[in-house]
PDB file of N, CA and C in Angstrom:
ATOM      1  N   MET A   1      -5.304  41.552 -33.300  1.00  0.00           N
ATOM      2  CA  MET A   1      -4.635  41.789 -31.604  1.00  0.00           C
ATOM      3  C   MET A   1      -4.636  40.279 -31.053  1.00  0.00           C
ATOM      4  N   ALA A   2      -4.005  40.268 -30.207  1.00  0.00           N
ATOM      5  CA  ALA A   2      -4.049  39.134 -29.458  1.00  0.00           C
ATOM      6  C   ALA A   2      -5.180  38.726 -28.572  1.00  0.00           C
ATOM      7  N   GLU A   3      -5.220  37.253 -28.777  1.00  0.00           N
ATOM      8  CA  GLU A   3      -6.456  36.731 -27.781  1.00  0.00           C
ATOM      9  C   GLU A   3      -5.944  36.838 -26.465  1.00  0.00           C
ATOM     10  N   GLN A   4      -6.820  36.714 -25.577  1.00  0.00           N
ATOM     11  CA  GLN A   4      -6.334  36.925 -23.999  1.00  0.00           C
ATOM     12  C   GLN A   4      -6.955  35.375 -23.496  1.00  0.00           C
ATOM     13  N   THR A   5      -6.335  34.468 -22.930  1.00  0.00           N
ATOM     14  CA  THR A   5      -7.136  33.678 -22.272  1.00  0.00           C
ATOM     15  C   THR A   5      -7.042  33.967 -21.158  1.00  0.00           C
ATOM     16  N   PRO A   6      -8.142  33.799 -20.664  1.00  0.00           N
ATOM     17  CA  PRO A   6      -7.810  33.474 -18.633  1.00  0.00           C
ATOM     18  C   PRO A   6      -7.435  32.614 -18.352  1.00  0.00           C
ATOM     19  N   SER A   7      -6.594  33.190 -17.238  1.00  0.00           N
ATOM     20  CA  SER A   7      -5.883  31.755 -16.571  1.00  0.00           C
ATOM     21  C   SER A   7      -6.720  31.611 -15.458  1.00  0.00           C
ATOM     22  N   GLN A   8      -6.633  30.260 -14.829  1.00  0.00           N
ATOM     23  CA  GLN A   8      -6.928  30.010 -13.684  1.00  0.00           C
ATOM     24  C   GLN A   8      -6.658  29.964 -12.584  1.00  0.00           C
ATOM     25  N   THR A   9      -7.010  30.579 -11.669  1.00  0.00           N
ATOM     26  CA  THR A   9      -7.264  30.309 -10.217  1.00  0.00           C
ATOM     27  C   THR A   9      -6.820  29.220  -9.526  1.00  0.00           C
ATOM     28  N   PRO A  10      -6.216  29.269  -8.718  1.00  0.00           N
ATOM     29  CA  PRO A  10      -5.562  27.702  -8.308  1.00  0.00           C
ATOM     30  C   PRO A  10      -6.812  27.275  -7.312  1.00  0.00           C
ATOM     31  N   ALA A  11      -7.799  28.173  -6.906  1.00  0.00           N
ATOM     32  CA  ALA A  11      -9.223  26.989  -6.475  1.00  0.00           C
ATOM     33  C   ALA A  11      -9.774  26.430  -7.366  1.00  0.00           C
ATOM     34  N   GLN A  12      -9.477  27.420  -9.226  1.00  0.00           N
ATOM     35  CA  GLN A  12     -10.229  26.757 -10.074  1.00  0.00           C
ATOM     36  C   GLN A  12      -9.547  25.055 -10.586  1.00  0.00           C
ATOM     37  N   LYS A  13      -7.990  25.079 -10.284  1.00  0.00           N
ATOM     38  CA  LYS A  13      -7.299  24.058 -11.126  1.00  0.00           C
ATOM     39  C   LYS A  13      -7.191  23.140  -9.959  1.00  0.00           C
ATOM     40  N   ALA A  14      -7.703  23.497  -8.489  1.00  0.00           N
ATOM     41  CA  ALA A  14      -7.603  22.116  -7.860  1.00  0.00           C
ATOM     42  C   ALA A  14      -9.511  21.575  -7.788  1.00  0.00           C
ATOM     43  N   LYS A  15     -10.341  22.671  -8.348  1.00  0.00           N
ATOM     44  CA  LYS A  15     -11.182  21.767  -8.364  1.00  0.00           C
ATOM     45  C   LYS A  15     -11.524  21.025  -9.721  1.00  0.00           C
ATOM     46  N   ALA A  16     -10.496  21.700 -10.820  1.00  0.00           N
ATOM     47  CA  ALA A  16     -10.644  20.886 -12.096  1.00  0.00           C
ATOM     48  C   ALA A  16      -9.647  19.326 -11.848  1.00  0.00           C
ATOM     49  N   ALA A  17      -8.945  19.298 -11.321  1.00  0.00           N
ATOM     50  CA  ALA A  17      -7.961  18.046 -10.996  1.00  0.00           C
ATOM     51  C   ALA A  17      -8.911  17.108  -9.809  1.00  0.00           C
ATOM     52  N   GLU A  18      -9.669  17.633  -9.163  1.00  0.00           N
ATOM     53  CA  GLU A  18     -10.412  16.498  -8.169  1.00  0.00           C
ATOM     54  C   GLU A  18     -11.739  16.504  -9.008  1.00  0.00           C
ATOM     55  N   ALA A  19     -12.326  16.842 -10.309  1.00  0.00           N
ATOM     56  CA  ALA A  19     -13.127  16.441 -11.191  1.00  0.00           C
ATOM     57  C   ALA A  19     -12.571  15.645 -12.105  1.00  0.00           C
ATOM     58  N   ALA A  20     -11.535  15.425 -12.453  1.00  0.00           N
ATOM     59  CA  ALA A  20     -10.359  14.818 -13.260  1.00  0.00           C
ATOM     60  C   ALA A  20     -10.497  13.491 -12.365  1.00  0.00           C
ATOM     61  N   ARG A  21      -9.853  13.422 -11.141  1.00  0.00           N
ATOM     62  CA  ARG A  21      -9.663  12.300 -10.238  1.00  0.00           C
ATOM     63  C   ARG A  21     -11.445  11.516  -9.825  1.00  0.00           C
ATOM     64  N   LYS A  22     -12.465  11.942  -9.848  1.00  0.00           N
ATOM     65  CA  LYS A  22     -13.729  11.706  -9.586  1.00  0.00           C
ATOM     66  C   LYS A  22     -13.757  11.022 -11.058  1.00  0.00           C
ATOM     67  N   GLN A  23     -13.806  11.594 -12.109  1.00  0.00           N
ATOM     68  CA  GLN A  23     -14.022  11.091 -13.329  1.00  0.00           C
ATOM     69  C   GLN A  23     -13.223   9.447 -13.281  1.00  0.00           C
ATOM     70  N   GLU A  24     -12.035   9.715 -13.082  1.00  0.00           N
ATOM     71  CA  GLU A  24     -11.135   8.532 -13.374  1.00  0.00           C
ATOM     72  C   GLU A  24     -11.574   7.587 -12.412  1.00  0.00           C
ATOM     73  N   ARG A  25     -11.950   7.439 -10.905  1.00  0.00           N
ATOM     74  CA  ARG A  25     -12.574   6.650  -9.837  1.00  0.00           C
ATOM     75  C   ARG A  25     -13.878   6.226 -10.739  1.00  0.00           C
ATOM     76  N   LEU A  26     -14.898   6.749 -11.192  1.00  0.00           N
ATOM     77  CA  LEU A  26     -16.294   6.233 -11.892  1.00  0.00           C
ATOM     78  C   LEU A  26     -15.811   5.150 -13.056  1.00  0.00           C
ATOM     79  N   ARG A  27     -14.809   5.675 -13.762  1.00  0.00           N
ATOM     80  CA  ARG A  27     -14.496   4.941 -14.636  1.00  0.00           C
ATOM     81  C   ARG A  27     -13.932   3.605 -14.568  1.00  0.00           C
ATOM     82  N   ALA A  28     -13.181   3.598 -13.413  1.00  0.00           N
ATOM     83  CA  ALA A  28     -12.329   2.865 -13.167  1.00  0.00           C
ATOM     84  C   ALA A  28     -13.915   1.397 -12.249  1.00  0.00           C
ATOM     85  N   ALA A  29     -14.691   2.068 -11.636  1.00  0.00           N
ATOM     86  CA  ALA A  29     -15.742   1.443 -10.782  1.00  0.00           C
ATOM     87  C   ALA A  29     -16.761   1.005 -12.237  1.00  0.00           C
ATOM     88  N   LEU A  30     -17.187   1.601 -13.343  1.00  0.00           N
ATOM     89  CA  LEU A  30     -17.637   1.381 -14.114  1.00  0.00           C
ATOM     90  C   LEU A  30     -17.068   0.137 -14.927  1.00  0.00           C
ATOM     91  N   LYS A  31     -16.063   0.210 -15.108  1.00  0.00           N
ATOM     92  CA  LYS A  31     -14.764  -1.142 -15.782  1.00  0.00           C
ATOM     93  C   LYS A  31     -15.441  -2.334 -14.831  1.00  0.00           C
ATOM     94  N   ALA A  32     -14.953  -2.224 -13.928  1.00  0.00           N
ATOM     95  CA  ALA A  32     -15.081  -3.065 -12.745  1.00  0.00           C
ATOM     96  C   ALA A  32     -16.447  -3.720 -12.560  1.00  0.00           C
ATOM     97  N   ASN A  33     -17.659  -3.280 -12.862  1.00  0.00           N
ATOM     98  CA  ASN A  33     -18.859  -3.547 -12.507  1.00  0.00           C
ATOM     99  C   ASN A  33     -18.781  -4.432 -13.894  1.00  0.00           C
ATOM    100  N   MET A  34     -18.778  -3.851 -15.207  1.00  0.00           N
ATOM    101  CA  MET A  34     -18.891  -4.321 -16.228  1.00  0.00           C
ATOM    102  C   MET A  34     -18.293  -6.033 -16.537  1.00  0.00           C
ATOM    103  N   ALA A  35     -17.059  -5.882 -15.934  1.00  0.00           N
ATOM    104  CA  ALA A  35     -16.443  -7.092 -15.877  1.00  0.00           C
ATOM    105  C   ALA A  35     -17.019  -8.254 -15.064  1.00  0.00           C
ATOM    106  N   ARG A  36     -17.397  -7.845 -13.824  1.00  0.00           N
ATOM    107  CA  ARG A  36     -17.984  -8.733 -13.119  1.00  0.00           C
ATOM    108  C   ARG A  36     -19.641  -9.310 -13.706  1.00  0.00           C
ATOM    109  N   ARG A  37     -20.166  -8.341 -14.058  1.00  0.00           N
ATOM    110  CA  ARG A  37     -21.527  -8.694 -14.804  1.00  0.00           C
ATOM    111  C   ARG A  37     -21.262  -9.546 -15.693  1.00  0.00           C
ATOM    112  N   LYS A  38     -20.262  -9.429 -17.057  1.00  0.00           N
ATOM    113  CA  LYS A  38     -20.258 -10.422 -18.261  1.00  0.00           C
ATOM    114  C   LYS A  38     -19.940 -11.527 -17.537  1.00  0.00           C
ATOM    115  N   THR A  39     -18.895 -11.768 -16.187  1.00  0.00           N
ATOM    116  CA  THR A  39     -18.662 -12.834 -15.700  1.00  0.00           C
ATOM    117  C   THR A  39     -19.896 -13.549 -15.556  1.00  0.00           C
ATOM    118  N   GLN A  40     -20.747 -13.104 -14.510  1.00  0.00           N
ATOM    119  CA  GLN A  40     -21.905 -13.494 -13.891  1.00  0.00           C
ATOM    120  C   GLN A  40     -22.778 -14.395 -15.094  1.00  0.00           C
ATOM    121  N   ALA A  41     -22.940 -13.277 -16.507  1.00  0.00           N
ATOM    122  CA  ALA A  41     -23.789 -13.590 -17.620  1.00  0.00           C
ATOM    123  C   ALA A  41     -23.178 -14.917 -18.216  1.00  0.00           C
ATOM    124  N   ARG A  42     -21.790 -14.935 -18.278  1.00  0.00           N
ATOM    125  CA  ARG A  42     -21.320 -16.306 -18.671  1.00  0.00           C
ATOM    126  C   ARG A  42     -21.348 -17.424 -18.065  1.00  0.00           C
ATOM    127  N   ALA A  43     -21.776 -17.299 -16.508  1.00  0.00           N
ATOM    128  CA  ALA A  43     -21.766 -18.430 -15.791  1.00  0.00           C
ATOM    129  C   ALA A  43     -22.959 -18.742 -15.725  1.00  0.00           C
ATOM    130  N   ARG A  44     -24.404 -17.841 -15.855  1.00  0.00           N
ATOM    131  CA  ARG A  44     -25.393 -18.476 -16.547  1.00  0.00           C
ATOM    132  C   ARG A  44     -25.722 -19.134 -17.295  1.00  0.00           C
ATOM    133  N   ASN A  45     -25.242 -18.484 -18.491  1.00  0.00           N
ATOM    134  CA  ASN A  45     -25.273 -19.309 -19.616  1.00  0.00           C
ATOM    135  C   ASN A  45     -24.333 -20.451 -19.828  1.00  0.00           C
ATOM    136  N   ALA A  46     -23.671 -21.294 -19.352  1.00  0.00           N
ATOM    137  CA  ALA A  46     -22.493 -22.081 -19.364  1.00  0.00           C
ATOM    138  C   ALA A  46     -23.444 -23.465 -18.926  1.00  0.00           C
ATOM    139  N   PRO A  47     -22.622 -24.385 -19.545  1.00  0.00           N
ATOM    140  CA  PRO A  47     -23.588 -25.730 -19.045  1.00  0.00           C
ATOM    141  C   PRO A  47     -23.330 -26.376 -17.764  1.00  0.00           C
ATOM    142  N   ASP A  48     -24.272 -26.684 -17.070  1.00  0.00           N
ATOM    143  CA  ASP A  48     -24.211 -26.989 -15.806  1.00  0.00           C
ATOM    144  C   ASP A  48     -23.816 -28.480 -15.592  1.00  0.00           C
ATOM    145  N   THR A  49     -22.323 -28.784 -15.596  1.00  0.00           N
ATOM    146  CA  THR A  49     -21.956 -29.886 -15.599  1.00  0.00           C
ATOM    147  C   THR A  49     -21.229 -30.439 -14.129  1.00  0.00           C
ATOM    148  N   GLY A  50     -21.762 -29.681 -12.996  1.00  0.00           N
ATOM    149  CA  GLY A  50     -21.134 -30.225 -11.759  1.00  0.00           C
ATOM    150  C   GLY A  50     -21.931 -31.238 -10.986  1.00  0.00           C
ATOM    151  N   SER A  51     -22.415 -30.501 -10.100  1.00  0.00           N
ATOM    152  CA  SER A  51     -23.207 -30.877  -9.054  1.00  0.00           C
ATOM    153  C   SER A  51     -24.722 -31.766  -9.693  1.00  0.00           C
ATOM    154  N   ALA A  52     -25.204 -31.232 -10.892  1.00  0.00           N
ATOM    155  CA  ALA A  52     -26.541 -31.702 -10.893  1.00  0.00           C
ATOM    156  C   ALA A  52     -26.448 -33.347 -11.391  1.00  0.00           C
ATOM    157  N   GLY A  53     -25.225 -33.816 -12.361  1.00  0.00           N
ATOM    158  CA  GLY A  53     -24.829 -34.860 -12.698  1.00  0.00           C
ATOM    159  C   GLY A  53     -24.634 -35.720 -11.577  1.00  0.00           C
ATOM    160  N   ALA A  54     -23.701 -35.189 -10.657  1.00  0.00           N
ATOM    161  CA  ALA A  54     -23.616 -36.144  -9.472  1.00  0.00           C
ATOM    162  C   ALA A  54     -24.599 -36.315  -8.468  1.00  0.00           C
ATOM    163  N   ALA A  55     -25.572 -35.311  -8.358  1.00  0.00           N
ATOM    164  CA  ALA A  55     -26.852 -35.874  -7.655  1.00  0.00           C
ATOM    165  C   ALA A  55     -27.858 -36.629  -7.808  1.00  0.00           C
ATOM    166  N   SER A  56     -28.091 -36.585  -9.341  1.00  0.00           N
ATOM    167  CA  SER A  56     -28.929 -37.685 -10.090  1.00  0.00           C
ATOM    168  C   SER A  56     -28.345 -39.022  -9.788  1.00  0.00           C
ATOM    169  N   GLN A  57     -26.874 -38.943  -9.751  1.00  0.00           N
ATOM    170  CA  GLN A  57     -26.212 -40.390  -9.979  1.00  0.00           C
ATOM    171  C   GLN A  57     -26.718 -41.389  -8.552  1.00  0.00           C
ATOM    172  N   LYS A  58     -26.583 -40.417  -7.668  1.00  0.00           N
ATOM    173  CA  LYS A  58     -26.447 -40.798  -5.980  1.00  0.00           C
ATOM    174  C   LYS A  58     -27.840 -41.471  -6.038  1.00  0.00           C
ATOM    175  N   GLU A  59     -28.972 -41.087  -6.535  1.00  0.00           N
ATOM    176  CA  GLU A  59     -29.767 -41.362  -6.409  1.00  0.00           C
ATOM    177  C   GLU A  59     -30.538 -42.774  -6.800  1.00  0.00           C
ATOM    178  N   THR A  60     -29.788 -43.510  -7.593  1.00  0.00           N
ATOM    179  CA  THR A  60     -30.674 -44.391  -8.311  1.00  0.00           C
ATOM    180  C   THR A  60     -29.249 -45.450  -7.773  1.00  0.00           C
TER     181      THR A  60
END
């Protein structure tokens, strides 16, 4: 016997497409958030060689 696969109605297809778009948006937002957090972590762990050195030299 041949298996019958139920075809999706237009409403179901639209809903599936909307879910796929939402998933893609969330994926992009997560990627951007992770990149921003990674940059912040690198900045926190980087040695501070800019303003602190100049400020201590001005005082003497």
